[in-house]
Amino acid sequence: MTPAPAATPPSVFFKGHGAQNDFIVLPDPLGELCLLPEDIRQLCDRRTGIGADGLLRAVHCTADPEAATMAGEAEWFMDYRNPDGTPAQMCGNGIRVFARYLIDAGHQHPGTIAIATRAGIRHVHVPVRSRDFRGPVTVLMGHPLLPGPDHIRVTAAGRSWPALHVDMGNPHAVAFVDDLTHPGDLHTPPTVTPAGAYPAGVTVNFVAVRGPRLLVARVHERGVGETRACGTGACAAVAAVLARTGRRPAASTRFTVDLPGGSLTVTANPDGTMELTGPAAIVAQGTLDLTAAVPAPRRSPVQVR
């Protein structure tokens, strides 16, 4: 008789958000959790799970093959998964929530923290004074990369716009619109052409310029749907505005990007790098039971208690 597989012991989880872009944080310092895409989909489901725009697994770089080469620069790896279970390279709001978790849990001290991501090392600054508050957190987002697929067009709600490709560690197509209602409800993903431009999918940003340094935006995020805010999307929007002018700022310049969930600040630096500043808070904590993986066509559901 084959013994039944041992159940995975209960795991602690945390729930946080940055400008209403919300995430589940799963501590897994030794890399012991076996998360299948179906686990992540159920955990992120807002009716049958905890509910979130994505899942952040917190694991030591030395315990994860994807991050092992970054262990000399960062202690922690942000293993970010979209709510459909697919991995993603980077998340501007998620990494601020991740940093807040590390500090709240006592794993790091306030100040500047190096965090490993699939897009490389990112440095996040949490001011000392915000240890016990939900104050702003800043992440150095690096250089936006604009060369990429050409002649991109985005179609939604029967309208079509030209779009600019911007890579913020993950791909974005930025379309400038006159009215943010024109893309419709965004329940259906926008169509992006040419069809082969983004074989792994793309985040689509609809952006309206409301002032010299004020943008408003809506974002349909790859693997998620429309989100209340998108940090990499806010940076991509600013990068696209600067690309239209053909100028790099002579001094660090702050832009405000208003999204449905709140405002984010993007600082464009003379060296071409960008910084993203916005809220980050851990709002809840609990325990969940992840069922052990079994070699069967159908697995028992993840149990949340």
C-alpha atoms as a PDB file:
ATOM      1  CA  MET A   1       0.000   0.000   0.000  1.00  0.00           C
ATOM      2  CA  THR A   2       1.397   3.383  -1.021  1.00  0.00           C
ATOM      3  CA  PRO A   3       1.397   5.824   1.896  1.00  0.00           C
ATOM      4  CA  ALA A   4      -0.557   9.037   1.441  1.00  0.00           C
ATOM      5  CA  PRO A   5       1.582  12.106   0.826  1.00  0.00           C
ATOM      6  CA  ALA A   6       2.205  14.245   3.861  1.00  0.00           C
ATOM      7  CA  ALA A   7       0.262  17.473   3.991  1.00  0.00           C
ATOM      8  CA  THR A   8       2.164  20.713   3.709  1.00  0.00           C
ATOM      9  CA  PRO A   9       2.146  22.442   7.111  1.00  0.00           C
ATOM     10  CA  PRO A  10       0.123  25.646   7.481  1.00  0.00           C
ATOM     11  CA  SER A  11       1.856  28.703   6.040  1.00  0.00           C
ATOM     12  CA  VAL A  12       1.598  32.292   7.145  1.00  0.00           C
ATOM     13  CA  PHE A  13       0.476  34.766   4.527  1.00  0.00           C
ATOM     14  CA  PHE A  14       0.258  38.549   4.464  1.00  0.00           C
ATOM     15  CA  LYS A  15      -1.983  40.837   2.423  1.00  0.00           C
ATOM     16  CA  GLY A  16      -0.757  44.236   1.261  1.00  0.00           C
ATOM     17  CA  HIS A  17      -1.373  46.874  -1.350  1.00  0.00           C
ATOM     18  CA  GLY A  18       0.217  49.835  -3.103  1.00  0.00           C
ATOM     19  CA  ALA A  19      -2.358  52.363  -4.373  1.00  0.00           C
ATOM     20  CA  GLN A  20      -5.014  49.602  -4.190  1.00  0.00           C
ATOM     21  CA  ASN A  21      -2.908  47.266  -6.333  1.00  0.00           C
ATOM     22  CA  ASP A  22      -3.084  44.320  -3.916  1.00  0.00           C
ATOM     23  CA  PHE A  23      -0.890  41.305  -3.303  1.00  0.00           C
ATOM     24  CA  ILE A  24      -0.583  38.141  -1.256  1.00  0.00           C
ATOM     25  CA  VAL A  25       2.868  37.767   0.330  1.00  0.00           C
ATOM     26  CA  LEU A  26       3.908  34.176   1.066  1.00  0.00           C
ATOM     27  CA  PRO A  27       7.038  33.832   3.215  1.00  0.00           C
ATOM     28  CA  ASP A  28       9.108  30.888   1.982  1.00  0.00           C
ATOM     29  CA  PRO A  29      12.670  31.676   3.087  1.00  0.00           C
ATOM     30  CA  LEU A  30      14.055  28.172   2.416  1.00  0.00           C
ATOM     31  CA  GLY A  31      12.206  27.616  -0.862  1.00  0.00           C
ATOM     32  CA  GLU A  32      10.117  24.745   0.473  1.00  0.00           C
ATOM     33  CA  LEU A  33       6.726  25.622  -1.019  1.00  0.00           C
ATOM     34  CA  CYS A  34       5.607  23.880  -4.198  1.00  0.00           C
ATOM     35  CA  LEU A  35       3.151  26.293  -5.802  1.00  0.00           C
ATOM     36  CA  LEU A  36       1.381  25.166  -8.944  1.00  0.00           C
ATOM     37  CA  PRO A  37      -0.374  27.670 -11.218  1.00  0.00           C
ATOM     38  CA  GLU A  38      -3.728  26.323 -10.015  1.00  0.00           C
ATOM     39  CA  ASP A  39      -2.745  27.115  -6.405  1.00  0.00           C
ATOM     40  CA  ILE A  40      -1.932  30.697  -7.337  1.00  0.00           C
ATOM     41  CA  ARG A  41      -5.116  31.111  -9.355  1.00  0.00           C
ATOM     42  CA  GLN A  42      -7.218  29.917  -6.433  1.00  0.00           C
ATOM     43  CA  LEU A  43      -5.399  32.013  -3.843  1.00  0.00           C
ATOM     44  CA  CYS A  44      -5.775  35.149  -5.978  1.00  0.00           C
ATOM     45  CA  ASP A  45      -9.427  34.516  -6.789  1.00  0.00           C
ATOM     46  CA  ARG A  46     -11.578  37.144  -5.074  1.00  0.00           C
ATOM     47  CA  ARG A  47     -14.490  34.781  -4.476  1.00  0.00           C
ATOM     48  CA  THR A  48     -12.956  31.406  -3.671  1.00  0.00           C
ATOM     49  CA  GLY A  49      -9.566  32.485  -2.314  1.00  0.00           C
ATOM     50  CA  ILE A  50      -7.897  35.366  -0.526  1.00  0.00           C
ATOM     51  CA  GLY A  51      -8.067  37.649  -3.545  1.00  0.00           C
ATOM     52  CA  ALA A  52      -5.220  39.663  -5.066  1.00  0.00           C
ATOM     53  CA  ASP A  53      -3.734  41.139  -8.236  1.00  0.00           C
ATOM     54  CA  GLY A  54      -0.699  38.917  -7.758  1.00  0.00           C
ATOM     55  CA  LEU A  55       1.321  36.753  -5.380  1.00  0.00           C
ATOM     56  CA  LEU A  56       4.765  37.592  -3.975  1.00  0.00           C
ATOM     57  CA  ARG A  57       6.768  34.639  -2.663  1.00  0.00           C
ATOM     58  CA  ALA A  58       9.543  35.807  -0.323  1.00  0.00           C
ATOM     59  CA  VAL A  59      12.507  33.438  -0.615  1.00  0.00           C
ATOM     60  CA  HIS A  60      16.223  33.704   0.129  1.00  0.00           C
ATOM     61  CA  CYS A  61      18.232  34.116  -3.065  1.00  0.00           C
ATOM     62  CA  THR A  62      20.415  31.186  -2.022  1.00  0.00           C
ATOM     63  CA  ALA A  63      17.328  28.941  -1.868  1.00  0.00           C
ATOM     64  CA  ASP A  64      15.990  29.616  -5.358  1.00  0.00           C
ATOM     65  CA  PRO A  65      17.776  28.623  -8.595  1.00  0.00           C
ATOM     66  CA  GLU A  66      16.358  31.671 -10.410  1.00  0.00           C
ATOM     67  CA  ALA A  67      17.986  34.048  -7.938  1.00  0.00           C
ATOM     68  CA  ALA A  68      21.151  32.203  -6.918  1.00  0.00           C
ATOM     69  CA  THR A  69      23.402  34.352  -9.120  1.00  0.00           C
ATOM     70  CA  MET A  70      22.098  37.497  -7.363  1.00  0.00           C
ATOM     71  CA  ALA A  71      22.775  36.215  -3.831  1.00  0.00           C
ATOM     72  CA  GLY A  72      25.927  38.324  -3.561  1.00  0.00           C
ATOM     73  CA  GLU A  73      23.914  41.521  -4.039  1.00  0.00           C
ATOM     74  CA  ALA A  74      20.580  40.776  -2.376  1.00  0.00           C
ATOM     75  CA  GLU A  75      19.359  38.514   0.415  1.00  0.00           C
ATOM     76  CA  TRP A  76      15.741  38.187  -0.743  1.00  0.00           C
ATOM     77  CA  PHE A  77      14.152  37.250  -4.061  1.00  0.00           C
ATOM     78  CA  MET A  78      10.678  38.506  -5.001  1.00  0.00           C
ATOM     79  CA  ASP A  79       9.136  35.592  -6.880  1.00  0.00           C
ATOM     80  CA  TYR A  80       6.212  37.448  -8.453  1.00  0.00           C
ATOM     81  CA  ARG A  81       3.327  35.514  -9.982  1.00  0.00           C
ATOM     82  CA  ASN A  82       0.376  36.921 -11.877  1.00  0.00           C
ATOM     83  CA  PRO A  83      -3.071  35.791 -10.672  1.00  0.00           C
ATOM     84  CA  ASP A  84      -3.296  33.436 -13.664  1.00  0.00           C
ATOM     85  CA  GLY A  85      -0.285  31.582 -12.241  1.00  0.00           C
ATOM     86  CA  THR A  86       2.312  32.821 -14.732  1.00  0.00           C
ATOM     87  CA  PRO A  87       5.626  34.284 -13.516  1.00  0.00           C
ATOM     88  CA  ALA A  88       6.427  37.943 -14.190  1.00  0.00           C
ATOM     89  CA  GLN A  89       9.692  39.827 -14.254  1.00  0.00           C
ATOM     90  CA  MET A  90       8.900  42.921 -12.226  1.00  0.00           C
ATOM     91  CA  CYS A  91       6.135  44.786 -10.390  1.00  0.00           C
ATOM     92  CA  GLY A  92       6.627  48.365  -9.216  1.00  0.00           C
ATOM     93  CA  ASN A  93       3.839  48.353  -6.653  1.00  0.00           C
ATOM     94  CA  GLY A  94       4.515  44.770  -5.607  1.00  0.00           C
ATOM     95  CA  ILE A  95       8.180  45.358  -4.806  1.00  0.00           C
ATOM     96  CA  ARG A  96       7.273  48.262  -2.508  1.00  0.00           C
ATOM     97  CA  VAL A  97       4.799  46.018  -0.666  1.00  0.00           C
ATOM     98  CA  PHE A  98       7.479  43.309  -0.579  1.00  0.00           C
ATOM     99  CA  ALA A  99       9.947  45.733   1.038  1.00  0.00           C
ATOM    100  CA  ARG A 100       7.317  46.805   3.558  1.00  0.00           C
ATOM    101  CA  TYR A 101       6.746  43.159   4.478  1.00  0.00           C
ATOM    102  CA  LEU A 102      10.486  42.536   4.966  1.00  0.00           C
ATOM    103  CA  ILE A 103      10.684  45.447   7.394  1.00  0.00           C
ATOM    104  CA  ASP A 104       7.433  44.729   9.235  1.00  0.00           C
ATOM    105  CA  ALA A 105       8.527  41.090   9.683  1.00  0.00           C
ATOM    106  CA  GLY A 106      11.935  42.150  11.025  1.00  0.00           C
ATOM    107  CA  HIS A 107      13.919  40.661   8.123  1.00  0.00           C
ATOM    108  CA  GLN A 108      15.361  44.037   7.093  1.00  0.00           C
ATOM    109  CA  HIS A 109      15.870  47.456   8.638  1.00  0.00           C
ATOM    110  CA  PRO A 110      14.404  50.663   7.229  1.00  0.00           C
ATOM    111  CA  GLY A 111      16.654  52.328   4.689  1.00  0.00           C
ATOM    112  CA  THR A 112      17.708  51.125   1.256  1.00  0.00           C
ATOM    113  CA  ILE A 113      17.153  47.420   0.551  1.00  0.00           C
ATOM    114  CA  ALA A 114      18.445  45.421  -2.418  1.00  0.00           C
ATOM    115  CA  ILE A 115      15.790  43.007  -3.711  1.00  0.00           C
ATOM    116  CA  ALA A 116      16.300  40.418  -6.443  1.00  0.00           C
ATOM    117  CA  THR A 117      13.672  40.123  -9.187  1.00  0.00           C
ATOM    118  CA  ARG A 118      13.503  38.376 -12.542  1.00  0.00           C
ATOM    119  CA  ALA A 119      14.339  41.767 -14.046  1.00  0.00           C
ATOM    120  CA  GLY A 120      17.488  42.015 -11.901  1.00  0.00           C
ATOM    121  CA  ILE A 121      18.359  43.797  -8.675  1.00  0.00           C
ATOM    122  CA  ARG A 122      16.126  46.681  -7.622  1.00  0.00           C
ATOM    123  CA  HIS A 123      16.893  49.025  -4.717  1.00  0.00           C
ATOM    124  CA  VAL A 124      13.965  50.086  -2.537  1.00  0.00           C
ATOM    125  CA  HIS A 125      14.118  52.899   0.004  1.00  0.00           C
ATOM    126  CA  VAL A 126      11.841  52.807   3.049  1.00  0.00           C
ATOM    127  CA  PRO A 127      12.354  55.885   5.236  1.00  0.00           C
ATOM    128  CA  VAL A 128      13.178  55.178   8.867  1.00  0.00           C
ATOM    129  CA  ARG A 129      10.322  57.362  10.036  1.00  0.00           C
ATOM    130  CA  SER A 130       7.793  55.174   8.214  1.00  0.00           C
ATOM    131  CA  ARG A 131       8.529  51.991  10.183  1.00  0.00           C
ATOM    132  CA  ASP A 132       5.100  52.045  11.839  1.00  0.00           C
ATOM    133  CA  PHE A 133       3.212  54.038   9.226  1.00  0.00           C
ATOM    134  CA  ARG A 134       1.883  53.590   5.726  1.00  0.00           C
ATOM    135  CA  GLY A 135       4.098  56.278   4.284  1.00  0.00           C
ATOM    136  CA  PRO A 136       5.579  56.366   0.780  1.00  0.00           C
ATOM    137  CA  VAL A 137       8.215  53.918  -0.381  1.00  0.00           C
ATOM    138  CA  THR A 138      10.576  54.577  -3.315  1.00  0.00           C
ATOM    139  CA  VAL A 139      12.083  52.067  -5.725  1.00  0.00           C
ATOM    140  CA  LEU A 140      14.815  52.780  -8.256  1.00  0.00           C
ATOM    141  CA  MET A 141      13.288  51.346 -11.423  1.00  0.00           C
ATOM    142  CA  GLY A 142      16.347  51.570 -13.672  1.00  0.00           C
ATOM    143  CA  HIS A 143      16.372  52.635 -17.324  1.00  0.00           C
ATOM    144  CA  PRO A 144      13.281  52.276 -19.486  1.00  0.00           C
ATOM    145  CA  LEU A 145      14.087  50.610 -22.806  1.00  0.00           C
ATOM    146  CA  LEU A 146      12.150  51.903 -25.784  1.00  0.00           C
ATOM    147  CA  PRO A 147      13.614  50.157 -28.835  1.00  0.00           C
ATOM    148  CA  GLY A 148      11.398  47.190 -29.557  1.00  0.00           C
ATOM    149  CA  PRO A 149       8.457  46.164 -31.720  1.00  0.00           C
ATOM    150  CA  ASP A 150       7.477  48.921 -34.166  1.00  0.00           C
ATOM    151  CA  HIS A 151       4.108  49.950 -35.595  1.00  0.00           C
ATOM    152  CA  ILE A 152       2.228  48.764 -32.507  1.00  0.00           C
ATOM    153  CA  ARG A 153      -1.511  49.429 -32.449  1.00  0.00           C
ATOM    154  CA  VAL A 154      -3.938  48.874 -29.605  1.00  0.00           C
ATOM    155  CA  THR A 155      -7.656  48.319 -30.111  1.00  0.00           C
ATOM    156  CA  ALA A 156     -10.354  48.430 -27.430  1.00  0.00           C
ATOM    157  CA  ALA A 157     -14.095  49.166 -27.471  1.00  0.00           C
ATOM    158  CA  GLY A 158     -14.074  49.605 -31.237  1.00  0.00           C
ATOM    159  CA  ARG A 159     -11.357  52.283 -31.220  1.00  0.00           C
ATOM    160  CA  SER A 160      -7.718  51.989 -32.231  1.00  0.00           C
ATOM    161  CA  TRP A 161      -4.593  53.925 -31.271  1.00  0.00           C
ATOM    162  CA  PRO A 162      -0.893  53.794 -32.142  1.00  0.00           C
ATOM    163  CA  ALA A 163       1.190  52.638 -29.166  1.00  0.00           C
ATOM    164  CA  LEU A 164       4.802  52.957 -28.077  1.00  0.00           C
ATOM    165  CA  HIS A 165       6.717  49.983 -26.743  1.00  0.00           C
ATOM    166  CA  VAL A 166       8.396  50.578 -23.353  1.00  0.00           C
ATOM    167  CA  ASP A 167      10.247  47.891 -21.415  1.00  0.00           C
ATOM    168  CA  MET A 168      10.369  48.482 -17.645  1.00  0.00           C
ATOM    169  CA  GLY A 169      11.662  44.995 -16.912  1.00  0.00           C
ATOM    170  CA  ASN A 170       8.300  43.842 -18.266  1.00  0.00           C
ATOM    171  CA  PRO A 171       6.764  44.885 -21.607  1.00  0.00           C
ATOM    172  CA  HIS A 172       4.317  47.769 -21.997  1.00  0.00           C
ATOM    173  CA  ALA A 173       2.406  49.222 -24.939  1.00  0.00           C
ATOM    174  CA  VAL A 174       1.552  52.862 -24.190  1.00  0.00           C
ATOM    175  CA  ALA A 175      -1.337  54.472 -26.086  1.00  0.00           C
ATOM    176  CA  PHE A 176      -2.212  58.156 -25.686  1.00  0.00           C
ATOM    177  CA  VAL A 177      -5.948  58.833 -25.559  1.00  0.00           C
ATOM    178  CA  ASP A 178      -8.057  61.975 -25.280  1.00  0.00           C
ATOM    179  CA  ASP A 179     -10.560  60.398 -22.878  1.00  0.00           C
ATOM    180  CA  LEU A 180      -9.966  57.498 -20.493  1.00  0.00           C
ATOM    181  CA  THR A 181     -13.512  56.240 -21.095  1.00  0.00           C
ATOM    182  CA  HIS A 182     -12.753  55.512 -24.746  1.00  0.00           C
ATOM    183  CA  PRO A 183     -11.105  52.084 -24.096  1.00  0.00           C
ATOM    184  CA  GLY A 184     -14.384  50.891 -22.559  1.00  0.00           C
ATOM    185  CA  ASP A 185     -14.718  48.652 -19.514  1.00  0.00           C
ATOM    186  CA  LEU A 186     -11.535  46.641 -20.302  1.00  0.00           C
ATOM    187  CA  HIS A 187     -13.210  43.395 -19.251  1.00  0.00           C
ATOM    188  CA  THR A 188     -11.902  42.041 -22.544  1.00  0.00           C
ATOM    189  CA  PRO A 189      -8.130  42.358 -23.075  1.00  0.00           C
ATOM    190  CA  PRO A 190      -7.235  44.989 -25.678  1.00  0.00           C
ATOM    191  CA  THR A 191      -6.103  43.666 -29.030  1.00  0.00           C
ATOM    192  CA  VAL A 192      -2.459  44.422 -29.820  1.00  0.00           C
ATOM    193  CA  THR A 193      -1.080  44.210 -33.346  1.00  0.00           C
ATOM    194  CA  PRO A 194       0.982  42.976 -35.075  1.00  0.00           C
ATOM    195  CA  ALA A 195      -0.048  39.646 -33.617  1.00  0.00           C
ATOM    196  CA  GLY A 196       3.470  38.340 -33.039  1.00  0.00           C
ATOM    197  CA  ALA A 197       4.844  41.469 -31.376  1.00  0.00           C
ATOM    198  CA  TYR A 198       4.399  40.165 -27.830  1.00  0.00           C
ATOM    199  CA  PRO A 199       4.332  36.356 -27.800  1.00  0.00           C
ATOM    200  CA  ALA A 200       4.294  36.316 -23.970  1.00  0.00           C
ATOM    201  CA  GLY A 201       1.672  39.067 -23.702  1.00  0.00           C
ATOM    202  CA  VAL A 202       1.934  42.764 -22.885  1.00  0.00           C
ATOM    203  CA  THR A 203       0.591  45.270 -20.379  1.00  0.00           C
ATOM    204  CA  VAL A 204      -1.425  47.974 -22.149  1.00  0.00           C
ATOM    205  CA  ASN A 205      -1.418  51.523 -20.792  1.00  0.00           C
ATOM    206  CA  PHE A 206      -4.016  54.107 -21.815  1.00  0.00           C
ATOM    207  CA  VAL A 207      -2.637  57.531 -20.944  1.00  0.00           C
ATOM    208  CA  ALA A 208      -4.030  61.077 -21.114  1.00  0.00           C
ATOM    209  CA  VAL A 209      -1.844  64.141 -20.552  1.00  0.00           C
ATOM    210  CA  ARG A 210      -3.488  66.682 -18.254  1.00  0.00           C
ATOM    211  CA  GLY A 211      -0.560  69.014 -17.585  1.00  0.00           C
ATOM    212  CA  PRO A 212       3.199  69.463 -18.076  1.00  0.00           C
ATOM    213  CA  ARG A 213       3.911  66.848 -15.395  1.00  0.00           C
ATOM    214  CA  LEU A 214       0.458  65.365 -14.761  1.00  0.00           C
ATOM    215  CA  LEU A 215      -0.790  62.176 -16.395  1.00  0.00           C
ATOM    216  CA  VAL A 216      -3.904  60.104 -15.853  1.00  0.00           C
ATOM    217  CA  ALA A 217      -3.951  56.457 -16.839  1.00  0.00           C
ATOM    218  CA  ARG A 218      -5.767  53.153 -16.917  1.00  0.00           C
ATOM    219  CA  VAL A 219      -3.871  49.884 -17.227  1.00  0.00           C
ATOM    220  CA  HIS A 220      -4.825  46.437 -18.468  1.00  0.00           C
ATOM    221  CA  GLU A 221      -2.066  44.337 -16.938  1.00  0.00           C
ATOM    222  CA  ARG A 222      -0.761  41.192 -18.591  1.00  0.00           C
ATOM    223  CA  GLY A 223      -2.142  38.130 -16.823  1.00  0.00           C
ATOM    224  CA  VAL A 224      -4.292  40.238 -14.497  1.00  0.00           C
ATOM    225  CA  GLY A 225      -6.837  42.455 -16.257  1.00  0.00           C
ATOM    226  CA  GLU A 226      -7.483  46.079 -15.394  1.00  0.00           C
ATOM    227  CA  THR A 227      -5.804  46.970 -12.110  1.00  0.00           C
ATOM    228  CA  ARG A 228      -6.372  49.868  -9.765  1.00  0.00           C
ATOM    229  CA  ALA A 229      -2.749  50.926 -10.241  1.00  0.00           C
ATOM    230  CA  CYS A 230       0.423  49.760 -11.988  1.00  0.00           C
ATOM    231  CA  GLY A 231       3.864  50.975 -10.932  1.00  0.00           C
ATOM    232  CA  THR A 232       5.788  49.835 -13.997  1.00  0.00           C
ATOM    233  CA  GLY A 233       2.916  51.201 -16.090  1.00  0.00           C
ATOM    234  CA  ALA A 234       3.243  54.629 -14.475  1.00  0.00           C
ATOM    235  CA  CYS A 235       6.956  54.654 -15.332  1.00  0.00           C
ATOM    236  CA  ALA A 236       6.230  53.487 -18.869  1.00  0.00           C
ATOM    237  CA  ALA A 237       3.736  56.333 -19.283  1.00  0.00           C
ATOM    238  CA  VAL A 238       6.327  58.927 -18.243  1.00  0.00           C
ATOM    239  CA  ALA A 239       8.952  57.331 -20.490  1.00  0.00           C
ATOM    240  CA  ALA A 240       6.533  57.532 -23.425  1.00  0.00           C
ATOM    241  CA  VAL A 241       5.819  61.223 -22.737  1.00  0.00           C
ATOM    242  CA  LEU A 242       9.535  61.996 -22.640  1.00  0.00           C
ATOM    243  CA  ALA A 243      10.058  60.014 -25.843  1.00  0.00           C
ATOM    244  CA  ARG A 244       7.437  62.136 -27.592  1.00  0.00           C
ATOM    245  CA  THR A 245       9.345  65.316 -26.709  1.00  0.00           C
ATOM    246  CA  GLY A 246      12.695  63.765 -27.569  1.00  0.00           C
ATOM    247  CA  ARG A 247      14.260  65.351 -24.494  1.00  0.00           C
ATOM    248  CA  ARG A 248      15.903  63.985 -21.395  1.00  0.00           C
ATOM    249  CA  PRO A 249      15.331  66.205 -18.328  1.00  0.00           C
ATOM    250  CA  ALA A 250      18.325  68.375 -17.369  1.00  0.00           C
ATOM    251  CA  ALA A 251      17.434  67.911 -13.689  1.00  0.00           C
ATOM    252  CA  SER A 252      15.453  65.302 -11.776  1.00  0.00           C
ATOM    253  CA  THR A 253      11.823  65.951 -12.665  1.00  0.00           C
ATOM    254  CA  ARG A 254       8.779  64.631 -10.845  1.00  0.00           C
ATOM    255  CA  PHE A 255       5.646  63.518 -12.645  1.00  0.00           C
ATOM    256  CA  THR A 256       2.335  62.639 -11.018  1.00  0.00           C
ATOM    257  CA  VAL A 257       0.451  59.713 -12.518  1.00  0.00           C
ATOM    258  CA  ASP A 258      -3.143  59.451 -11.347  1.00  0.00           C
ATOM    259  CA  LEU A 259      -4.666  55.980 -11.531  1.00  0.00           C
ATOM    260  CA  PRO A 260      -8.023  54.658 -10.309  1.00  0.00           C
ATOM    261  CA  GLY A 261      -6.441  53.464  -7.039  1.00  0.00           C
ATOM    262  CA  GLY A 262      -4.462  56.620  -6.271  1.00  0.00           C
ATOM    263  CA  SER A 263      -1.500  58.724  -7.315  1.00  0.00           C
ATOM    264  CA  LEU A 264       2.061  57.572  -7.944  1.00  0.00           C
ATOM    265  CA  THR A 265       5.107  59.811  -8.340  1.00  0.00           C
ATOM    266  CA  VAL A 266       7.650  59.057 -11.042  1.00  0.00           C
ATOM    267  CA  THR A 267      10.969  60.901 -10.947  1.00  0.00           C
ATOM    268  CA  ALA A 268      12.842  61.055 -14.248  1.00  0.00           C
ATOM    269  CA  ASN A 269      16.569  61.581 -13.673  1.00  0.00           C
ATOM    270  CA  PRO A 270      19.108  63.169 -16.063  1.00  0.00           C
ATOM    271  CA  ASP A 271      20.946  59.840 -16.395  1.00  0.00           C
ATOM    272  CA  GLY A 272      17.793  58.245 -17.804  1.00  0.00           C
ATOM    273  CA  THR A 273      16.868  56.254 -14.693  1.00  0.00           C
ATOM    274  CA  MET A 274      13.480  56.466 -13.036  1.00  0.00           C
ATOM    275  CA  GLU A 275      12.285  56.303  -9.447  1.00  0.00           C
ATOM    276  CA  LEU A 276       8.796  55.287  -8.415  1.00  0.00           C
ATOM    277  CA  THR A 277       7.295  56.556  -5.154  1.00  0.00           C
ATOM    278  CA  GLY A 278       3.962  55.609  -3.667  1.00  0.00           C
ATOM    279  CA  PRO A 279       2.140  54.029  -0.723  1.00  0.00           C
ATOM    280  CA  ALA A 280       2.809  50.492   0.470  1.00  0.00           C
ATOM    281  CA  ALA A 281       1.017  48.856   3.369  1.00  0.00           C
ATOM    282  CA  ILE A 282       0.562  45.420   4.913  1.00  0.00           C
ATOM    283  CA  VAL A 283      -3.076  45.279   5.971  1.00  0.00           C
ATOM    284  CA  ALA A 284      -3.702  41.686   7.098  1.00  0.00           C
ATOM    285  CA  GLN A 285      -2.086  38.408   8.046  1.00  0.00           C
ATOM    286  CA  GLY A 286      -3.355  34.857   8.427  1.00  0.00           C
ATOM    287  CA  THR A 287      -2.586  31.190   7.848  1.00  0.00           C
ATOM    288  CA  LEU A 288      -3.405  28.894   4.968  1.00  0.00           C
ATOM    289  CA  ASP A 289      -2.968  25.201   4.226  1.00  0.00           C
ATOM    290  CA  LEU A 290      -1.387  24.328   0.894  1.00  0.00           C
ATOM    291  CA  THR A 291      -2.229  20.750  -0.016  1.00  0.00           C
ATOM    292  CA  ALA A 292       0.685  18.513  -0.942  1.00  0.00           C
ATOM    293  CA  ALA A 293       1.280  17.888  -4.630  1.00  0.00           C
ATOM    294  CA  VAL A 294      -0.027  14.446  -5.662  1.00  0.00           C
ATOM    295  CA  PRO A 295       0.372  12.588  -8.968  1.00  0.00           C
ATOM    296  CA  ALA A 296      -3.326  12.722  -9.842  1.00  0.00           C
ATOM    297  CA  PRO A 297      -5.287  14.521 -12.563  1.00  0.00           C
ATOM    298  CA  ARG A 298      -7.144  16.534  -9.960  1.00  0.00           C
ATOM    299  CA  ARG A 299      -5.755  17.938  -6.740  1.00  0.00           C
ATOM    300  CA  SER A 300      -7.520  18.864  -3.551  1.00  0.00           C
ATOM    301  CA  PRO A 301      -8.187  22.578  -3.328  1.00  0.00           C
ATOM    302  CA  VAL A 302      -6.048  24.982  -1.373  1.00  0.00           C
ATOM    303  CA  GLN A 303      -7.660  25.410   2.021  1.00  0.00           C
ATOM    304  CA  VAL A 304      -7.695  28.863   3.601  1.00  0.00           C
ATOM    305  CA  ARG A 305      -8.568  29.256   7.215  1.00  0.00           C
END
